[in-house]
N, C-alpha and C. Protein backbone atom coordinates (compact mmCIF):
# COMPACT_ATOMS: atom_id res chain seq x y z
N MET A 1 15.04 -8.49 27.00
CA MET A 1 15.59 -9.82 27.19
C MET A 1 14.48 -10.85 27.02
N LYS A 2 14.74 -11.85 26.21
CA LYS A 2 13.76 -12.90 25.99
C LYS A 2 13.90 -13.94 27.10
N GLU A 3 12.81 -14.17 27.82
CA GLU A 3 12.81 -15.17 28.88
C GLU A 3 12.61 -16.55 28.26
N THR A 4 13.12 -17.58 28.91
CA THR A 4 12.89 -18.93 28.44
C THR A 4 12.22 -19.73 29.54
N LEU A 5 11.60 -20.81 29.13
CA LEU A 5 10.87 -21.64 30.08
C LEU A 5 11.71 -22.80 30.59
N SER A 6 13.00 -22.80 30.34
CA SER A 6 13.81 -23.94 30.72
C SER A 6 13.63 -24.31 32.19
N SER A 7 13.46 -23.32 33.04
CA SER A 7 13.28 -23.64 34.45
C SER A 7 12.03 -22.95 35.01
N ALA A 8 11.14 -22.54 34.13
CA ALA A 8 9.91 -21.89 34.58
C ALA A 8 8.75 -22.87 34.48
N ARG A 9 7.73 -22.63 35.25
CA ARG A 9 6.53 -23.45 35.26
C ARG A 9 5.37 -22.59 34.78
N VAL A 10 4.55 -23.12 33.87
CA VAL A 10 3.41 -22.39 33.34
C VAL A 10 2.15 -22.84 34.08
N ASN A 11 1.39 -21.86 34.54
CA ASN A 11 0.13 -22.14 35.23
C ASN A 11 -0.96 -21.34 34.53
N ILE A 12 -2.05 -21.99 34.18
CA ILE A 12 -3.21 -21.32 33.60
C ILE A 12 -4.24 -21.19 34.71
N ARG A 13 -4.71 -19.96 34.93
CA ARG A 13 -5.69 -19.72 36.00
C ARG A 13 -6.63 -18.61 35.58
N PRO A 14 -7.78 -18.49 36.26
CA PRO A 14 -8.70 -17.41 35.94
C PRO A 14 -8.06 -16.04 36.19
N MET A 15 -8.39 -15.09 35.32
CA MET A 15 -7.91 -13.73 35.48
C MET A 15 -8.61 -13.11 36.69
N GLU A 16 -7.85 -12.33 37.47
CA GLU A 16 -8.36 -11.64 38.63
C GLU A 16 -8.09 -10.15 38.49
N LEU A 17 -8.78 -9.34 39.29
CA LEU A 17 -8.57 -7.89 39.23
C LEU A 17 -7.10 -7.50 39.43
N ARG A 18 -6.40 -8.20 40.29
CA ARG A 18 -4.99 -7.88 40.54
C ARG A 18 -4.13 -8.07 39.30
N ASP A 19 -4.62 -8.83 38.30
CA ASP A 19 -3.86 -9.09 37.08
C ASP A 19 -4.01 -7.98 36.04
N VAL A 20 -5.02 -7.13 36.20
CA VAL A 20 -5.37 -6.18 35.15
C VAL A 20 -4.21 -5.27 34.72
N PRO A 21 -3.43 -4.68 35.62
CA PRO A 21 -2.32 -3.84 35.14
C PRO A 21 -1.34 -4.61 34.24
N ARG A 22 -1.00 -5.82 34.61
CA ARG A 22 -0.08 -6.62 33.79
C ARG A 22 -0.75 -7.06 32.48
N VAL A 23 -2.01 -7.43 32.54
CA VAL A 23 -2.76 -7.81 31.34
C VAL A 23 -2.80 -6.63 30.37
N ARG A 24 -3.01 -5.45 30.90
CA ARG A 24 -3.03 -4.24 30.07
C ARG A 24 -1.66 -4.02 29.41
N GLU A 25 -0.58 -4.25 30.15
CA GLU A 25 0.77 -4.14 29.58
C GLU A 25 0.94 -5.10 28.40
N ILE A 26 0.48 -6.33 28.57
CA ILE A 26 0.57 -7.33 27.50
C ILE A 26 -0.24 -6.88 26.29
N ASP A 27 -1.43 -6.36 26.54
CA ASP A 27 -2.30 -5.88 25.47
C ASP A 27 -1.64 -4.73 24.71
N LEU A 28 -1.07 -3.77 25.44
CA LEU A 28 -0.39 -2.63 24.81
C LEU A 28 0.81 -3.08 23.97
N ALA A 29 1.53 -4.09 24.45
CA ALA A 29 2.71 -4.58 23.74
C ALA A 29 2.34 -5.44 22.52
N SER A 30 1.07 -5.85 22.46
CA SER A 30 0.67 -6.81 21.43
C SER A 30 -0.20 -6.23 20.33
N PHE A 31 -0.96 -5.18 20.60
CA PHE A 31 -1.97 -4.72 19.65
C PHE A 31 -1.89 -3.22 19.40
N SER A 32 -2.21 -2.82 18.18
CA SER A 32 -2.28 -1.39 17.85
C SER A 32 -3.59 -0.77 18.34
N LEU A 33 -4.58 -1.60 18.63
CA LEU A 33 -5.85 -1.13 19.19
C LEU A 33 -6.12 -1.87 20.51
N PRO A 34 -5.32 -1.59 21.55
CA PRO A 34 -5.50 -2.31 22.81
C PRO A 34 -6.79 -1.91 23.53
N TRP A 35 -7.24 -2.81 24.39
CA TRP A 35 -8.40 -2.53 25.20
C TRP A 35 -8.02 -1.55 26.32
N PRO A 36 -8.95 -0.68 26.72
CA PRO A 36 -8.69 0.14 27.91
C PRO A 36 -8.74 -0.75 29.16
N GLU A 37 -8.04 -0.33 30.18
CA GLU A 37 -8.00 -1.11 31.42
C GLU A 37 -9.41 -1.36 31.97
N ARG A 38 -10.29 -0.36 31.83
CA ARG A 38 -11.65 -0.51 32.37
C ARG A 38 -12.41 -1.66 31.68
N SER A 39 -12.06 -1.97 30.44
CA SER A 39 -12.73 -3.07 29.74
C SER A 39 -12.40 -4.41 30.39
N PHE A 40 -11.15 -4.61 30.77
CA PHE A 40 -10.78 -5.85 31.46
C PHE A 40 -11.47 -5.92 32.81
N ARG A 41 -11.52 -4.78 33.52
CA ARG A 41 -12.20 -4.76 34.81
C ARG A 41 -13.69 -5.10 34.66
N PHE A 42 -14.32 -4.53 33.63
CA PHE A 42 -15.73 -4.82 33.35
C PHE A 42 -15.93 -6.32 33.08
N GLU A 43 -15.07 -6.90 32.27
CA GLU A 43 -15.22 -8.32 31.93
C GLU A 43 -15.10 -9.20 33.16
N ILE A 44 -14.21 -8.83 34.08
CA ILE A 44 -14.03 -9.63 35.30
C ILE A 44 -15.19 -9.46 36.26
N THR A 45 -15.66 -8.23 36.44
CA THR A 45 -16.61 -7.95 37.52
C THR A 45 -18.07 -7.89 37.11
N GLU A 46 -18.35 -7.60 35.83
CA GLU A 46 -19.73 -7.32 35.46
C GLU A 46 -20.31 -8.15 34.32
N ASN A 47 -19.50 -8.79 33.53
CA ASN A 47 -20.03 -9.51 32.37
C ASN A 47 -20.13 -11.00 32.69
N PRO A 48 -21.34 -11.50 32.92
CA PRO A 48 -21.48 -12.92 33.27
C PRO A 48 -21.14 -13.87 32.12
N ALA A 49 -21.07 -13.37 30.90
CA ALA A 49 -20.72 -14.22 29.76
C ALA A 49 -19.21 -14.35 29.57
N SER A 50 -18.41 -13.56 30.31
CA SER A 50 -16.96 -13.57 30.13
C SER A 50 -16.31 -14.79 30.75
N ARG A 51 -15.35 -15.31 30.03
CA ARG A 51 -14.49 -16.38 30.51
C ARG A 51 -13.07 -15.88 30.28
N LEU A 52 -12.32 -15.63 31.35
CA LEU A 52 -11.01 -14.99 31.25
C LEU A 52 -9.96 -15.82 31.97
N TRP A 53 -8.80 -16.00 31.32
CA TRP A 53 -7.70 -16.71 31.94
C TRP A 53 -6.39 -15.99 31.67
N VAL A 54 -5.42 -16.27 32.52
CA VAL A 54 -4.06 -15.78 32.30
C VAL A 54 -3.11 -16.98 32.34
N ALA A 55 -1.98 -16.80 31.66
CA ALA A 55 -0.86 -17.74 31.75
C ALA A 55 0.17 -17.07 32.63
N GLU A 56 0.60 -17.80 33.63
CA GLU A 56 1.54 -17.28 34.61
C GLU A 56 2.75 -18.22 34.66
N VAL A 57 3.93 -17.65 34.70
CA VAL A 57 5.13 -18.48 34.84
C VAL A 57 5.78 -18.18 36.17
N GLN A 58 6.43 -19.20 36.67
CA GLN A 58 7.26 -19.01 37.85
C GLN A 58 8.69 -18.95 37.35
N THR A 59 9.31 -17.83 37.57
CA THR A 59 10.67 -17.62 37.09
C THR A 59 11.66 -18.36 37.99
N PRO A 60 12.91 -18.51 37.53
CA PRO A 60 13.90 -19.23 38.34
C PRO A 60 14.08 -18.65 39.74
N ASP A 61 13.83 -17.35 39.90
CA ASP A 61 13.98 -16.74 41.24
C ASP A 61 12.71 -16.84 42.07
N GLY A 62 11.69 -17.59 41.56
CA GLY A 62 10.48 -17.86 42.34
C GLY A 62 9.36 -16.87 42.18
N GLN A 63 9.54 -15.85 41.37
CA GLN A 63 8.46 -14.88 41.16
C GLN A 63 7.42 -15.44 40.19
N HIS A 64 6.16 -15.06 40.40
CA HIS A 64 5.07 -15.44 39.51
C HIS A 64 4.76 -14.23 38.63
N VAL A 65 4.83 -14.43 37.32
CA VAL A 65 4.65 -13.34 36.36
C VAL A 65 3.58 -13.74 35.35
N VAL A 66 2.57 -12.88 35.18
CA VAL A 66 1.56 -13.10 34.14
C VAL A 66 2.20 -12.75 32.80
N VAL A 67 2.15 -13.71 31.87
CA VAL A 67 2.79 -13.53 30.57
C VAL A 67 1.82 -13.66 29.40
N GLY A 68 0.57 -14.03 29.68
CA GLY A 68 -0.41 -14.17 28.62
C GLY A 68 -1.81 -14.05 29.16
N MET A 69 -2.75 -13.78 28.23
CA MET A 69 -4.15 -13.64 28.64
C MET A 69 -5.06 -13.99 27.48
N ILE A 70 -6.27 -14.40 27.85
CA ILE A 70 -7.31 -14.66 26.85
C ILE A 70 -8.65 -14.27 27.47
N VAL A 71 -9.49 -13.63 26.65
CA VAL A 71 -10.86 -13.28 27.05
C VAL A 71 -11.79 -13.93 26.03
N MET A 72 -12.72 -14.72 26.54
CA MET A 72 -13.76 -15.33 25.70
C MET A 72 -15.11 -14.91 26.24
N TRP A 73 -16.08 -14.89 25.33
CA TRP A 73 -17.47 -14.69 25.73
C TRP A 73 -18.23 -15.93 25.35
N GLN A 74 -18.99 -16.46 26.30
CA GLN A 74 -19.80 -17.64 26.05
C GLN A 74 -21.25 -17.23 25.86
N VAL A 75 -21.82 -17.63 24.73
CA VAL A 75 -23.24 -17.44 24.45
C VAL A 75 -23.79 -18.82 24.10
N LEU A 76 -24.54 -19.38 25.05
CA LEU A 76 -25.08 -20.72 24.91
C LEU A 76 -23.96 -21.71 24.61
N ASP A 77 -23.97 -22.32 23.42
CA ASP A 77 -22.96 -23.34 23.10
C ASP A 77 -21.83 -22.81 22.22
N GLU A 78 -21.70 -21.48 22.13
CA GLU A 78 -20.64 -20.87 21.34
C GLU A 78 -19.74 -20.01 22.22
N ALA A 79 -18.47 -19.92 21.81
CA ALA A 79 -17.54 -19.00 22.47
C ALA A 79 -16.93 -18.11 21.40
N HIS A 80 -16.73 -16.86 21.76
CA HIS A 80 -16.08 -15.88 20.89
C HIS A 80 -14.83 -15.41 21.61
N ILE A 81 -13.68 -15.56 20.98
CA ILE A 81 -12.44 -15.07 21.58
C ILE A 81 -12.36 -13.58 21.28
N GLY A 82 -12.43 -12.77 22.34
CA GLY A 82 -12.40 -11.32 22.20
C GLY A 82 -10.99 -10.78 22.09
N THR A 83 -10.07 -11.35 22.88
CA THR A 83 -8.67 -10.97 22.81
C THR A 83 -7.83 -12.10 23.38
N PHE A 84 -6.61 -12.19 22.87
CA PHE A 84 -5.72 -13.29 23.24
C PHE A 84 -4.30 -12.83 22.89
N ALA A 85 -3.41 -12.83 23.87
CA ALA A 85 -2.03 -12.39 23.59
C ALA A 85 -1.06 -12.98 24.62
N ILE A 86 0.16 -13.13 24.15
CA ILE A 86 1.29 -13.52 24.99
C ILE A 86 2.29 -12.37 24.94
N HIS A 87 2.88 -12.03 26.07
CA HIS A 87 3.88 -10.96 26.10
C HIS A 87 4.99 -11.29 25.10
N PRO A 88 5.45 -10.30 24.33
CA PRO A 88 6.47 -10.56 23.31
C PRO A 88 7.71 -11.30 23.82
N ALA A 89 8.12 -11.07 25.05
CA ALA A 89 9.31 -11.73 25.58
C ALA A 89 9.10 -13.22 25.83
N TYR A 90 7.86 -13.68 25.81
CA TYR A 90 7.55 -15.08 26.12
C TYR A 90 6.92 -15.83 24.95
N ARG A 91 6.92 -15.24 23.77
CA ARG A 91 6.32 -15.89 22.61
C ARG A 91 7.20 -17.01 22.08
N ARG A 92 6.57 -17.89 21.30
CA ARG A 92 7.24 -18.99 20.61
C ARG A 92 7.86 -20.00 21.59
N GLN A 93 7.18 -20.16 22.74
CA GLN A 93 7.63 -21.12 23.75
C GLN A 93 6.52 -22.09 24.14
N GLY A 94 5.42 -22.05 23.40
CA GLY A 94 4.32 -22.96 23.68
C GLY A 94 3.30 -22.44 24.67
N ILE A 95 3.51 -21.25 25.21
CA ILE A 95 2.58 -20.71 26.21
C ILE A 95 1.23 -20.39 25.57
N GLY A 96 1.24 -19.79 24.39
CA GLY A 96 -0.01 -19.48 23.69
C GLY A 96 -0.79 -20.74 23.37
N CYS A 97 -0.09 -21.79 22.95
CA CYS A 97 -0.76 -23.07 22.66
C CYS A 97 -1.41 -23.62 23.92
N ARG A 98 -0.68 -23.58 25.02
CA ARG A 98 -1.21 -24.10 26.28
C ARG A 98 -2.41 -23.29 26.73
N LEU A 99 -2.30 -21.97 26.68
CA LEU A 99 -3.40 -21.11 27.13
C LEU A 99 -4.64 -21.32 26.27
N LEU A 100 -4.47 -21.39 24.96
CA LEU A 100 -5.62 -21.62 24.09
C LEU A 100 -6.24 -22.99 24.32
N ALA A 101 -5.40 -24.02 24.40
CA ALA A 101 -5.92 -25.38 24.61
C ALA A 101 -6.64 -25.51 25.94
N GLU A 102 -6.03 -25.01 27.01
CA GLU A 102 -6.67 -25.12 28.33
C GLU A 102 -7.98 -24.33 28.38
N SER A 103 -8.00 -23.14 27.78
CA SER A 103 -9.24 -22.36 27.82
C SER A 103 -10.33 -23.00 26.97
N LEU A 104 -9.96 -23.57 25.82
CA LEU A 104 -10.97 -24.28 25.02
C LEU A 104 -11.51 -25.50 25.77
N LEU A 105 -10.65 -26.21 26.47
CA LEU A 105 -11.13 -27.34 27.29
C LEU A 105 -12.07 -26.86 28.38
N GLU A 106 -11.74 -25.76 29.01
CA GLU A 106 -12.60 -25.23 30.07
C GLU A 106 -13.99 -24.84 29.54
N VAL A 107 -14.04 -24.13 28.40
CA VAL A 107 -15.36 -23.73 27.89
C VAL A 107 -16.12 -24.93 27.35
N TYR A 108 -15.41 -25.92 26.86
CA TYR A 108 -16.07 -27.16 26.44
C TYR A 108 -16.80 -27.79 27.64
N GLU A 109 -16.13 -27.81 28.79
CA GLU A 109 -16.74 -28.36 30.00
C GLU A 109 -17.95 -27.53 30.44
N MET A 110 -18.04 -26.28 29.99
CA MET A 110 -19.17 -25.41 30.30
C MET A 110 -20.28 -25.51 29.24
N GLY A 111 -20.12 -26.42 28.28
CA GLY A 111 -21.15 -26.63 27.28
C GLY A 111 -20.90 -26.02 25.92
N VAL A 112 -19.73 -25.43 25.70
CA VAL A 112 -19.41 -24.83 24.40
C VAL A 112 -19.01 -25.91 23.41
N CYS A 113 -19.56 -25.82 22.21
CA CYS A 113 -19.25 -26.78 21.14
C CYS A 113 -18.39 -26.17 20.04
N GLN A 114 -18.54 -24.87 19.83
CA GLN A 114 -17.76 -24.22 18.77
C GLN A 114 -17.27 -22.86 19.24
N CYS A 115 -16.23 -22.38 18.53
CA CYS A 115 -15.59 -21.14 18.93
C CYS A 115 -15.21 -20.36 17.67
N TYR A 116 -15.29 -19.04 17.76
CA TYR A 116 -14.86 -18.23 16.63
C TYR A 116 -14.13 -16.99 17.12
N LEU A 117 -13.45 -16.32 16.19
CA LEU A 117 -12.65 -15.14 16.51
C LEU A 117 -12.41 -14.34 15.24
N GLU A 118 -11.97 -13.10 15.43
CA GLU A 118 -11.50 -12.27 14.33
C GLU A 118 -9.99 -12.17 14.45
N VAL A 119 -9.30 -12.20 13.29
CA VAL A 119 -7.85 -12.05 13.26
C VAL A 119 -7.48 -11.21 12.05
N ARG A 120 -6.48 -10.36 12.21
CA ARG A 120 -6.04 -9.53 11.08
C ARG A 120 -5.58 -10.42 9.93
N ARG A 121 -5.91 -9.98 8.72
CA ARG A 121 -5.49 -10.71 7.53
C ARG A 121 -3.97 -10.85 7.49
N SER A 122 -3.25 -9.85 8.00
CA SER A 122 -1.79 -9.86 7.96
C SER A 122 -1.14 -10.65 9.09
N ASN A 123 -1.91 -11.10 10.08
CA ASN A 123 -1.34 -11.78 11.25
C ASN A 123 -1.23 -13.29 10.97
N LEU A 124 -0.24 -13.63 10.18
CA LEU A 124 -0.08 -15.02 9.76
C LEU A 124 0.32 -15.93 10.92
N ALA A 125 1.11 -15.43 11.86
CA ALA A 125 1.51 -16.26 13.00
C ALA A 125 0.28 -16.70 13.80
N ALA A 126 -0.63 -15.76 14.07
CA ALA A 126 -1.85 -16.12 14.81
C ALA A 126 -2.72 -17.07 13.99
N GLN A 127 -2.87 -16.79 12.72
CA GLN A 127 -3.66 -17.67 11.86
C GLN A 127 -3.12 -19.10 11.88
N ASN A 128 -1.80 -19.23 11.82
CA ASN A 128 -1.19 -20.56 11.84
C ASN A 128 -1.44 -21.27 13.17
N LEU A 129 -1.39 -20.54 14.27
CA LEU A 129 -1.70 -21.14 15.57
C LEU A 129 -3.14 -21.65 15.58
N TYR A 130 -4.06 -20.81 15.14
CA TYR A 130 -5.47 -21.22 15.15
C TYR A 130 -5.71 -22.41 14.23
N LYS A 131 -5.07 -22.44 13.07
CA LYS A 131 -5.23 -23.57 12.14
C LYS A 131 -4.74 -24.86 12.78
N LYS A 132 -3.68 -24.77 13.57
CA LYS A 132 -3.17 -25.94 14.29
C LYS A 132 -4.25 -26.56 15.18
N PHE A 133 -5.13 -25.72 15.69
CA PHE A 133 -6.21 -26.17 16.58
C PHE A 133 -7.46 -26.59 15.81
N GLY A 134 -7.46 -26.41 14.50
CA GLY A 134 -8.61 -26.80 13.68
C GLY A 134 -9.51 -25.66 13.27
N PHE A 135 -9.15 -24.42 13.62
CA PHE A 135 -9.93 -23.26 13.17
C PHE A 135 -9.79 -23.14 11.65
N LYS A 136 -10.88 -22.75 11.01
CA LYS A 136 -10.88 -22.52 9.57
C LYS A 136 -11.42 -21.12 9.28
N ILE A 137 -10.90 -20.51 8.21
CA ILE A 137 -11.41 -19.21 7.79
C ILE A 137 -12.80 -19.43 7.21
N THR A 138 -13.79 -18.75 7.78
CA THR A 138 -15.17 -18.94 7.34
C THR A 138 -15.78 -17.68 6.74
N SER A 139 -15.15 -16.53 6.96
CA SER A 139 -15.73 -15.29 6.46
C SER A 139 -14.69 -14.17 6.56
N VAL A 140 -15.02 -13.02 5.99
CA VAL A 140 -14.16 -11.84 6.06
C VAL A 140 -15.01 -10.65 6.48
N ARG A 141 -14.48 -9.85 7.39
CA ARG A 141 -15.10 -8.57 7.74
C ARG A 141 -14.22 -7.49 7.10
N ASN A 142 -14.67 -6.97 5.98
CA ASN A 142 -13.90 -5.98 5.24
C ASN A 142 -13.74 -4.70 6.05
N GLY A 143 -12.50 -4.17 6.10
CA GLY A 143 -12.22 -2.90 6.77
C GLY A 143 -12.50 -2.90 8.25
N TYR A 144 -12.44 -4.03 8.91
CA TYR A 144 -12.84 -4.18 10.31
C TYR A 144 -12.00 -3.36 11.28
N TYR A 145 -10.69 -3.31 11.06
CA TYR A 145 -9.80 -2.65 12.02
C TYR A 145 -9.73 -1.16 11.76
N ARG A 146 -10.08 -0.36 12.79
CA ARG A 146 -10.19 1.10 12.66
C ARG A 146 -8.86 1.79 12.41
N ASP A 147 -7.77 1.23 12.89
CA ASP A 147 -6.49 1.93 12.78
C ASP A 147 -5.99 2.03 11.34
N ASN A 148 -6.22 0.99 10.53
CA ASN A 148 -5.71 1.01 9.16
C ASN A 148 -6.68 0.44 8.13
N GLY A 149 -7.89 0.12 8.57
CA GLY A 149 -8.90 -0.41 7.64
C GLY A 149 -8.64 -1.82 7.18
N GLU A 150 -7.75 -2.53 7.86
CA GLU A 150 -7.43 -3.90 7.48
C GLU A 150 -8.64 -4.81 7.68
N ASP A 151 -8.73 -5.82 6.82
CA ASP A 151 -9.79 -6.82 6.93
C ASP A 151 -9.52 -7.74 8.12
N ALA A 152 -10.60 -8.24 8.68
CA ALA A 152 -10.52 -9.29 9.70
C ALA A 152 -11.00 -10.58 9.07
N LEU A 153 -10.27 -11.64 9.31
CA LEU A 153 -10.72 -12.97 8.91
C LEU A 153 -11.47 -13.56 10.08
N ILE A 154 -12.64 -14.11 9.81
CA ILE A 154 -13.38 -14.83 10.84
C ILE A 154 -12.91 -16.27 10.77
N MET A 155 -12.39 -16.76 11.88
CA MET A 155 -11.95 -18.15 11.94
C MET A 155 -12.83 -18.88 12.94
N THR A 156 -13.26 -20.07 12.56
CA THR A 156 -14.21 -20.83 13.37
C THR A 156 -13.69 -22.23 13.62
N LEU A 157 -13.83 -22.67 14.86
CA LEU A 157 -13.59 -24.06 15.23
C LEU A 157 -14.98 -24.66 15.42
N GLU A 158 -15.41 -25.45 14.44
CA GLU A 158 -16.79 -25.95 14.40
C GLU A 158 -17.13 -26.90 15.54
N ASN A 159 -16.24 -27.82 15.83
CA ASN A 159 -16.51 -28.80 16.88
C ASN A 159 -15.28 -28.92 17.78
N ILE A 160 -15.41 -28.46 19.00
CA ILE A 160 -14.31 -28.58 19.95
C ILE A 160 -14.16 -30.05 20.31
N ASN A 161 -12.97 -30.56 20.11
CA ASN A 161 -12.69 -31.97 20.37
C ASN A 161 -11.77 -32.06 21.59
N PRO A 162 -12.31 -32.40 22.76
CA PRO A 162 -11.48 -32.40 23.97
C PRO A 162 -10.35 -33.43 23.93
N GLN A 163 -10.58 -34.58 23.31
CA GLN A 163 -9.52 -35.58 23.22
C GLN A 163 -8.34 -35.05 22.41
N LYS A 164 -8.64 -34.36 21.31
CA LYS A 164 -7.59 -33.78 20.49
C LYS A 164 -6.82 -32.71 21.27
N LEU A 165 -7.53 -31.88 22.03
CA LEU A 165 -6.88 -30.84 22.82
C LEU A 165 -5.99 -31.45 23.90
N ARG A 166 -6.48 -32.49 24.57
CA ARG A 166 -5.67 -33.15 25.61
C ARG A 166 -4.45 -33.81 25.00
N ALA A 167 -4.62 -34.44 23.85
CA ALA A 167 -3.48 -35.06 23.16
C ALA A 167 -2.47 -33.99 22.74
N PHE A 168 -2.98 -32.87 22.28
CA PHE A 168 -2.12 -31.77 21.88
C PHE A 168 -1.32 -31.27 23.08
N LEU A 169 -1.97 -31.11 24.21
CA LEU A 169 -1.28 -30.66 25.42
C LEU A 169 -0.24 -31.67 25.88
N GLN A 170 -0.58 -32.94 25.82
CA GLN A 170 0.37 -33.97 26.24
C GLN A 170 1.59 -33.97 25.32
N GLU A 171 1.36 -33.84 24.01
CA GLU A 171 2.46 -33.78 23.05
C GLU A 171 3.31 -32.54 23.31
N ASP A 172 2.65 -31.42 23.57
CA ASP A 172 3.37 -30.18 23.85
C ASP A 172 4.19 -30.30 25.13
N ASP A 173 3.63 -30.98 26.15
CA ASP A 173 4.36 -31.20 27.40
C ASP A 173 5.65 -31.97 27.15
N GLU A 174 5.55 -33.01 26.35
CA GLU A 174 6.72 -33.85 26.09
C GLU A 174 7.79 -33.07 25.33
N GLU A 175 7.35 -32.20 24.40
CA GLU A 175 8.31 -31.42 23.63
C GLU A 175 8.90 -30.28 24.44
N LYS A 176 8.08 -29.60 25.24
CA LYS A 176 8.51 -28.37 25.92
C LYS A 176 8.96 -28.60 27.36
N GLY A 177 8.58 -29.73 27.95
CA GLY A 177 8.93 -29.95 29.34
C GLY A 177 8.12 -29.09 30.29
N THR A 178 6.87 -28.73 29.91
CA THR A 178 6.02 -27.91 30.77
C THR A 178 5.11 -28.81 31.58
N ILE A 179 4.18 -28.21 32.29
CA ILE A 179 3.29 -28.97 33.17
C ILE A 179 2.39 -29.87 32.37
N SER A 180 1.93 -30.93 32.99
CA SER A 180 1.03 -31.85 32.31
C SER A 180 -0.37 -31.26 32.23
N SER A 181 -1.13 -31.70 31.22
CA SER A 181 -2.50 -31.19 31.07
C SER A 181 -3.30 -31.58 32.30
N GLY A 182 -4.29 -30.78 32.58
CA GLY A 182 -5.12 -31.05 33.74
C GLY A 182 -4.66 -30.32 34.98
N GLU A 183 -3.55 -29.60 34.91
CA GLU A 183 -3.07 -28.87 36.07
C GLU A 183 -3.52 -27.42 36.03
N ILE A 184 -4.68 -27.18 35.45
CA ILE A 184 -5.21 -25.81 35.43
C ILE A 184 -5.68 -25.48 36.84
N ASP A 185 -5.38 -24.27 37.24
CA ASP A 185 -5.79 -23.77 38.54
C ASP A 185 -7.14 -23.07 38.35
N HIS A 186 -8.19 -23.63 38.91
CA HIS A 186 -9.53 -23.07 38.71
C HIS A 186 -9.77 -21.83 39.55
N GLY A 187 -8.91 -21.52 40.46
CA GLY A 187 -8.99 -20.28 41.21
C GLY A 187 -10.28 -20.10 41.98
N SER A 188 -10.57 -18.86 42.31
CA SER A 188 -11.73 -18.59 43.16
C SER A 188 -12.79 -17.76 42.46
N THR A 189 -12.74 -17.65 41.12
CA THR A 189 -13.75 -16.83 40.44
C THR A 189 -14.96 -17.66 40.07
């Protein structure tokens, strides 16, 4: 069953250990080469360069459900998106846009100026999302994916523009009826 956000609220917050089982479910449902659960645990507890967030919705019955996740690594003024996914039942509702925009704003506040990622050549939906944010294809990693030898496109956002991200979030809020930008929950991590 596809859930809708008509009466749900989206909250972006830091990933916590309690989120790992659900994050792993999202990863398994999204990728042919998912991360092992221990990798998410390592990123949360042991990797000081990790920046991890989840998108959580409050369903009409009041339950809080993690529906998306993103893992970034910060090295000086650069961020690398290691993984990013929205549960299939919650896609195409603006949650991925919100999660990406909020996380880019957060790393910008931490001193990041540019961001890059790898994406499958065949994943046109993801490529289109990244292009919306200003990412450009800058390189190709031939045969990068072990499962089928598919190429990875390197996409880079050269200059993170916080005003553009905030405007994007505000526009998305007006269209989707979701929370206003700036309501990110910084949590306790």
